[in-house]
């Protein structure tokens, strides 16, 4: 197994069906609970273990998920209210190295994720087919992204990082 991609890399198979979208929304909805379970019972020392050599600590992964999903939620709102808005990229590696990502209790980001996902899922469930075809432009990779693609990718993203934590727990027997 490639420890960078414990569930494999994200794959997009093209346009989605309502069943696909419902599945992705369910994955996004369930992510906060899965994440909370993944870190439950870990000590401060264990939260500061890197999930793989050269990788972030478990604490940084939790904070990254809050940062990333907060940004994604904002991108959805922009795409739903503007025509193909240009989003603001950020350097996730630099964000993960900031003091709040290496010192703050994971409970803070767990609570943020629960709130963000509650709002995000309500928004996703209100969207129709045309809404999922709305787009935003990412200037860093010079790509226009449909919200249906972003929904699938973020369903994967949560599971991807939770697998980093659960596979680390298995390897370290924690």
C-alpha atoms as a PDB file:
ATOM      1  CA  UNK A   1       0.000   0.000   0.000  1.00  0.00           C
ATOM      2  CA  UNK A   2       1.214   3.504  -0.837  1.00  0.00           C
ATOM      3  CA  UNK A   3       0.960   5.266   2.546  1.00  0.00           C
ATOM      4  CA  UNK A   4       0.393   8.576   0.749  1.00  0.00           C
ATOM      5  CA  UNK A   5      -2.807   7.193  -0.807  1.00  0.00           C
ATOM      6  CA  UNK A   6      -4.137   4.457   1.493  1.00  0.00           C
ATOM      7  CA  UNK A   7      -7.477   4.305  -0.367  1.00  0.00           C
ATOM      8  CA  UNK A   8      -5.952   5.044  -3.782  1.00  0.00           C
ATOM      9  CA  UNK A   9      -5.834   8.311  -5.675  1.00  0.00           C
ATOM     10  CA  UNK A  10      -9.005  10.180  -6.548  1.00  0.00           C
ATOM     11  CA  UNK A  11     -10.519   9.028  -9.838  1.00  0.00           C
ATOM     12  CA  UNK A  12     -13.191  10.871 -11.787  1.00  0.00           C
ATOM     13  CA  UNK A  13     -15.318   8.882 -14.187  1.00  0.00           C
ATOM     14  CA  UNK A  14     -17.139  11.767 -15.797  1.00  0.00           C
ATOM     15  CA  UNK A  15     -20.615  13.164 -15.263  1.00  0.00           C
ATOM     16  CA  UNK A  16     -22.542  11.805 -12.335  1.00  0.00           C
ATOM     17  CA  UNK A  17     -26.023  10.519 -11.687  1.00  0.00           C
ATOM     18  CA  UNK A  18     -28.318  11.567  -8.822  1.00  0.00           C
ATOM     19  CA  UNK A  19     -27.353   8.283  -7.111  1.00  0.00           C
ATOM     20  CA  UNK A  20     -23.650   9.179  -7.315  1.00  0.00           C
ATOM     21  CA  UNK A  21     -24.302  12.629  -5.892  1.00  0.00           C
ATOM     22  CA  UNK A  22     -26.415  11.207  -3.051  1.00  0.00           C
ATOM     23  CA  UNK A  23     -23.624   8.773  -2.188  1.00  0.00           C
ATOM     24  CA  UNK A  24     -21.014  11.570  -2.136  1.00  0.00           C
ATOM     25  CA  UNK A  25     -23.254  13.749   0.025  1.00  0.00           C
ATOM     26  CA  UNK A  26     -23.693  10.850   2.456  1.00  0.00           C
ATOM     27  CA  UNK A  27     -19.903  10.442   2.596  1.00  0.00           C
ATOM     28  CA  UNK A  28     -19.472  14.163   3.328  1.00  0.00           C
ATOM     29  CA  UNK A  29     -22.224  13.999   5.941  1.00  0.00           C
ATOM     30  CA  UNK A  30     -20.644  11.009   7.683  1.00  0.00           C
ATOM     31  CA  UNK A  31     -17.084  12.301   7.592  1.00  0.00           C
ATOM     32  CA  UNK A  32     -17.116  14.256  10.892  1.00  0.00           C
ATOM     33  CA  UNK A  33     -18.234  11.198  12.853  1.00  0.00           C
ATOM     34  CA  UNK A  34     -15.695   8.946  11.149  1.00  0.00           C
ATOM     35  CA  UNK A  35     -12.938  11.461  11.854  1.00  0.00           C
ATOM     36  CA  UNK A  36     -13.939  11.806  15.506  1.00  0.00           C
ATOM     37  CA  UNK A  37     -13.877   8.006  15.853  1.00  0.00           C
ATOM     38  CA  UNK A  38     -10.480   7.822  14.115  1.00  0.00           C
ATOM     39  CA  UNK A  39      -8.825  10.115  16.672  1.00  0.00           C
ATOM     40  CA  UNK A  40     -10.812   9.015  19.723  1.00  0.00           C
ATOM     41  CA  UNK A  41      -8.632   8.123  22.675  1.00  0.00           C
ATOM     42  CA  UNK A  42      -5.355   9.364  21.192  1.00  0.00           C
ATOM     43  CA  UNK A  43      -2.995  11.066  23.612  1.00  0.00           C
ATOM     44  CA  UNK A  44      -1.274  14.375  22.887  1.00  0.00           C
ATOM     45  CA  UNK A  45       1.899  12.414  22.143  1.00  0.00           C
ATOM     46  CA  UNK A  46       0.081  10.138  19.703  1.00  0.00           C
ATOM     47  CA  UNK A  47      -1.587  13.100  17.968  1.00  0.00           C
ATOM     48  CA  UNK A  48       1.915  14.442  17.336  1.00  0.00           C
ATOM     49  CA  UNK A  49       3.038  11.303  15.468  1.00  0.00           C
ATOM     50  CA  UNK A  50       3.476  11.652  11.696  1.00  0.00           C
ATOM     51  CA  UNK A  51       1.126   9.288   9.879  1.00  0.00           C
ATOM     52  CA  UNK A  52       4.045   8.406   7.576  1.00  0.00           C
ATOM     53  CA  UNK A  53       7.675   9.398   7.248  1.00  0.00           C
ATOM     54  CA  UNK A  54       7.787  12.911   5.844  1.00  0.00           C
ATOM     55  CA  UNK A  55       4.053  13.345   6.372  1.00  0.00           C
ATOM     56  CA  UNK A  56       1.989  15.515   8.672  1.00  0.00           C
ATOM     57  CA  UNK A  57       1.208  14.609  12.230  1.00  0.00           C
ATOM     58  CA  UNK A  58      -2.227  13.228  13.005  1.00  0.00           C
ATOM     59  CA  UNK A  59      -3.005  16.597  14.633  1.00  0.00           C
ATOM     60  CA  UNK A  60      -2.017  18.435  11.442  1.00  0.00           C
ATOM     61  CA  UNK A  61      -4.202  16.103   9.362  1.00  0.00           C
ATOM     62  CA  UNK A  62      -7.244  16.944  11.503  1.00  0.00           C
ATOM     63  CA  UNK A  63      -6.553  20.677  11.261  1.00  0.00           C
ATOM     64  CA  UNK A  64      -5.901  20.346   7.507  1.00  0.00           C
ATOM     65  CA  UNK A  65      -9.321  18.760   7.046  1.00  0.00           C
ATOM     66  CA  UNK A  66     -10.953  21.728   8.794  1.00  0.00           C
ATOM     67  CA  UNK A  67      -8.966  24.205   6.677  1.00  0.00           C
ATOM     68  CA  UNK A  68      -9.567  22.373   3.420  1.00  0.00           C
ATOM     69  CA  UNK A  69     -13.262  21.689   3.889  1.00  0.00           C
ATOM     70  CA  UNK A  70     -13.890  25.247   5.087  1.00  0.00           C
ATOM     71  CA  UNK A  71     -12.288  26.493   1.862  1.00  0.00           C
ATOM     72  CA  UNK A  72     -14.297  24.029  -0.203  1.00  0.00           C
ATOM     73  CA  UNK A  73     -17.574  25.080   1.400  1.00  0.00           C
ATOM     74  CA  UNK A  74     -16.758  28.706   0.563  1.00  0.00           C
ATOM     75  CA  UNK A  75     -15.931  27.741  -3.020  1.00  0.00           C
ATOM     76  CA  UNK A  76     -19.317  26.054  -3.361  1.00  0.00           C
ATOM     77  CA  UNK A  77     -21.081  29.174  -2.108  1.00  0.00           C
ATOM     78  CA  UNK A  78     -19.095  31.361  -4.504  1.00  0.00           C
ATOM     79  CA  UNK A  79     -19.851  29.076  -7.452  1.00  0.00           C
ATOM     80  CA  UNK A  80     -23.554  29.070  -6.604  1.00  0.00           C
ATOM     81  CA  UNK A  81     -23.761  32.862  -6.389  1.00  0.00           C
ATOM     82  CA  UNK A  82     -21.306  34.027  -9.066  1.00  0.00           C
ATOM     83  CA  UNK A  83     -20.554  33.007 -12.642  1.00  0.00           C
ATOM     84  CA  UNK A  84     -17.393  30.870 -12.639  1.00  0.00           C
ATOM     85  CA  UNK A  85     -15.668  32.825  -9.857  1.00  0.00           C
ATOM     86  CA  UNK A  86     -11.905  32.729  -9.515  1.00  0.00           C
ATOM     87  CA  UNK A  87     -11.189  31.178  -6.134  1.00  0.00           C
ATOM     88  CA  UNK A  88      -8.315  32.044  -3.824  1.00  0.00           C
ATOM     89  CA  UNK A  89      -5.743  29.254  -3.670  1.00  0.00           C
ATOM     90  CA  UNK A  90      -3.754  28.623  -0.509  1.00  0.00           C
ATOM     91  CA  UNK A  91      -0.627  26.611   0.254  1.00  0.00           C
ATOM     92  CA  UNK A  92      -1.860  23.755   2.428  1.00  0.00           C
ATOM     93  CA  UNK A  93       1.698  22.817   3.406  1.00  0.00           C
ATOM     94  CA  UNK A  94       2.320  26.307   4.811  1.00  0.00           C
ATOM     95  CA  UNK A  95      -1.077  26.353   6.553  1.00  0.00           C
ATOM     96  CA  UNK A  96      -0.279  22.973   8.164  1.00  0.00           C
ATOM     97  CA  UNK A  97       3.000  24.381   9.492  1.00  0.00           C
ATOM     98  CA  UNK A  98       1.404  27.385  11.224  1.00  0.00           C
ATOM     99  CA  UNK A  99       1.371  27.283  15.038  1.00  0.00           C
ATOM    100  CA  UNK A 100      -2.381  26.672  15.297  1.00  0.00           C
ATOM    101  CA  UNK A 101      -2.032  23.519  13.176  1.00  0.00           C
ATOM    102  CA  UNK A 102       0.724  22.079  15.354  1.00  0.00           C
ATOM    103  CA  UNK A 103      -0.444  23.083  18.832  1.00  0.00           C
ATOM    104  CA  UNK A 104      -4.218  23.581  19.069  1.00  0.00           C
ATOM    105  CA  UNK A 105      -6.346  20.736  20.390  1.00  0.00           C
ATOM    106  CA  UNK A 106      -7.949  18.634  17.659  1.00  0.00           C
ATOM    107  CA  UNK A 107     -11.341  19.123  19.344  1.00  0.00           C
ATOM    108  CA  UNK A 108     -11.374  22.682  17.982  1.00  0.00           C
ATOM    109  CA  UNK A 109     -11.157  21.468  14.380  1.00  0.00           C
ATOM    110  CA  UNK A 110     -13.496  18.532  15.029  1.00  0.00           C
ATOM    111  CA  UNK A 111     -16.150  21.022  16.155  1.00  0.00           C
ATOM    112  CA  UNK A 112     -15.444  23.253  13.135  1.00  0.00           C
ATOM    113  CA  UNK A 113     -15.762  20.285  10.784  1.00  0.00           C
ATOM    114  CA  UNK A 114     -19.074  19.258  12.347  1.00  0.00           C
ATOM    115  CA  UNK A 115     -20.456  22.763  11.858  1.00  0.00           C
ATOM    116  CA  UNK A 116     -19.074  23.205   8.347  1.00  0.00           C
ATOM    117  CA  UNK A 117     -20.347  19.808   7.242  1.00  0.00           C
ATOM    118  CA  UNK A 118     -23.814  20.425   8.681  1.00  0.00           C
ATOM    119  CA  UNK A 119     -24.091  23.601   6.621  1.00  0.00           C
ATOM    120  CA  UNK A 120     -22.382  22.065   3.565  1.00  0.00           C
ATOM    121  CA  UNK A 121     -24.671  19.024   3.523  1.00  0.00           C
ATOM    122  CA  UNK A 122     -27.747  21.263   3.837  1.00  0.00           C
ATOM    123  CA  UNK A 123     -26.448  23.253   0.869  1.00  0.00           C
ATOM    124  CA  UNK A 124     -25.637  20.113  -1.155  1.00  0.00           C
ATOM    125  CA  UNK A 125     -29.083  18.646  -0.475  1.00  0.00           C
ATOM    126  CA  UNK A 126     -30.717  21.855  -1.717  1.00  0.00           C
ATOM    127  CA  UNK A 127     -28.857  21.775  -5.039  1.00  0.00           C
ATOM    128  CA  UNK A 128     -30.449  20.571  -8.267  1.00  0.00           C
ATOM    129  CA  UNK A 129     -28.729  19.060 -11.310  1.00  0.00           C
ATOM    130  CA  UNK A 130     -27.986  22.476 -12.820  1.00  0.00           C
ATOM    131  CA  UNK A 131     -26.391  23.659  -9.582  1.00  0.00           C
ATOM    132  CA  UNK A 132     -23.931  20.744  -9.668  1.00  0.00           C
ATOM    133  CA  UNK A 133     -22.876  21.901 -13.140  1.00  0.00           C
ATOM    134  CA  UNK A 134     -21.913  25.361 -11.864  1.00  0.00           C
ATOM    135  CA  UNK A 135     -18.189  26.041 -11.798  1.00  0.00           C
ATOM    136  CA  UNK A 136     -15.327  27.897 -10.212  1.00  0.00           C
ATOM    137  CA  UNK A 137     -11.932  28.673 -11.681  1.00  0.00           C
ATOM    138  CA  UNK A 138      -8.731  27.663  -9.883  1.00  0.00           C
ATOM    139  CA  UNK A 139      -5.952  30.017 -11.043  1.00  0.00           C
ATOM    140  CA  UNK A 140      -3.119  27.898  -9.643  1.00  0.00           C
ATOM    141  CA  UNK A 141      -3.880  24.859 -11.802  1.00  0.00           C
ATOM    142  CA  UNK A 142      -5.658  26.968 -14.449  1.00  0.00           C
ATOM    143  CA  UNK A 143      -8.708  24.736 -14.348  1.00  0.00           C
ATOM    144  CA  UNK A 144     -12.449  25.228 -14.245  1.00  0.00           C
ATOM    145  CA  UNK A 145     -14.098  22.798 -11.816  1.00  0.00           C
ATOM    146  CA  UNK A 146     -17.740  21.685 -11.761  1.00  0.00           C
ATOM    147  CA  UNK A 147     -19.363  21.337  -8.363  1.00  0.00           C
ATOM    148  CA  UNK A 148     -20.259  17.712  -9.105  1.00  0.00           C
ATOM    149  CA  UNK A 149     -16.546  16.954  -9.504  1.00  0.00           C
ATOM    150  CA  UNK A 150     -15.734  18.899  -6.327  1.00  0.00           C
ATOM    151  CA  UNK A 151     -18.426  16.979  -4.417  1.00  0.00           C
ATOM    152  CA  UNK A 152     -16.933  13.638  -5.462  1.00  0.00           C
ATOM    153  CA  UNK A 153     -13.399  14.805  -4.747  1.00  0.00           C
ATOM    154  CA  UNK A 154     -14.226  16.047  -1.242  1.00  0.00           C
ATOM    155  CA  UNK A 155     -16.114  12.851  -0.413  1.00  0.00           C
ATOM    156  CA  UNK A 156     -12.870  11.059  -1.331  1.00  0.00           C
ATOM    157  CA  UNK A 157     -10.700  13.660   0.447  1.00  0.00           C
ATOM    158  CA  UNK A 158     -12.273  13.068   3.848  1.00  0.00           C
ATOM    159  CA  UNK A 159     -11.958   9.292   3.521  1.00  0.00           C
ATOM    160  CA  UNK A 160      -8.395   9.681   2.234  1.00  0.00           C
ATOM    161  CA  UNK A 161      -7.210  11.556   5.324  1.00  0.00           C
ATOM    162  CA  UNK A 162      -9.212   9.433   7.754  1.00  0.00           C
ATOM    163  CA  UNK A 163      -7.407   6.436   6.234  1.00  0.00           C
ATOM    164  CA  UNK A 164      -4.091   8.192   6.958  1.00  0.00           C
ATOM    165  CA  UNK A 165      -5.072   8.273  10.622  1.00  0.00           C
ATOM    166  CA  UNK A 166      -6.533   4.765  10.844  1.00  0.00           C
ATOM    167  CA  UNK A 167      -3.624   3.182   8.970  1.00  0.00           C
ATOM    168  CA  UNK A 168      -1.173   5.002  11.287  1.00  0.00           C
ATOM    169  CA  UNK A 169      -3.071   3.679  14.296  1.00  0.00           C
ATOM    170  CA  UNK A 170      -2.776   0.157  12.900  1.00  0.00           C
ATOM    171  CA  UNK A 171       0.952   0.494  12.140  1.00  0.00           C
ATOM    172  CA  UNK A 172       1.775   2.105  15.488  1.00  0.00           C
ATOM    173  CA  UNK A 173      -0.719  -0.102  17.367  1.00  0.00           C
ATOM    174  CA  UNK A 174      -2.353   2.945  18.998  1.00  0.00           C
END
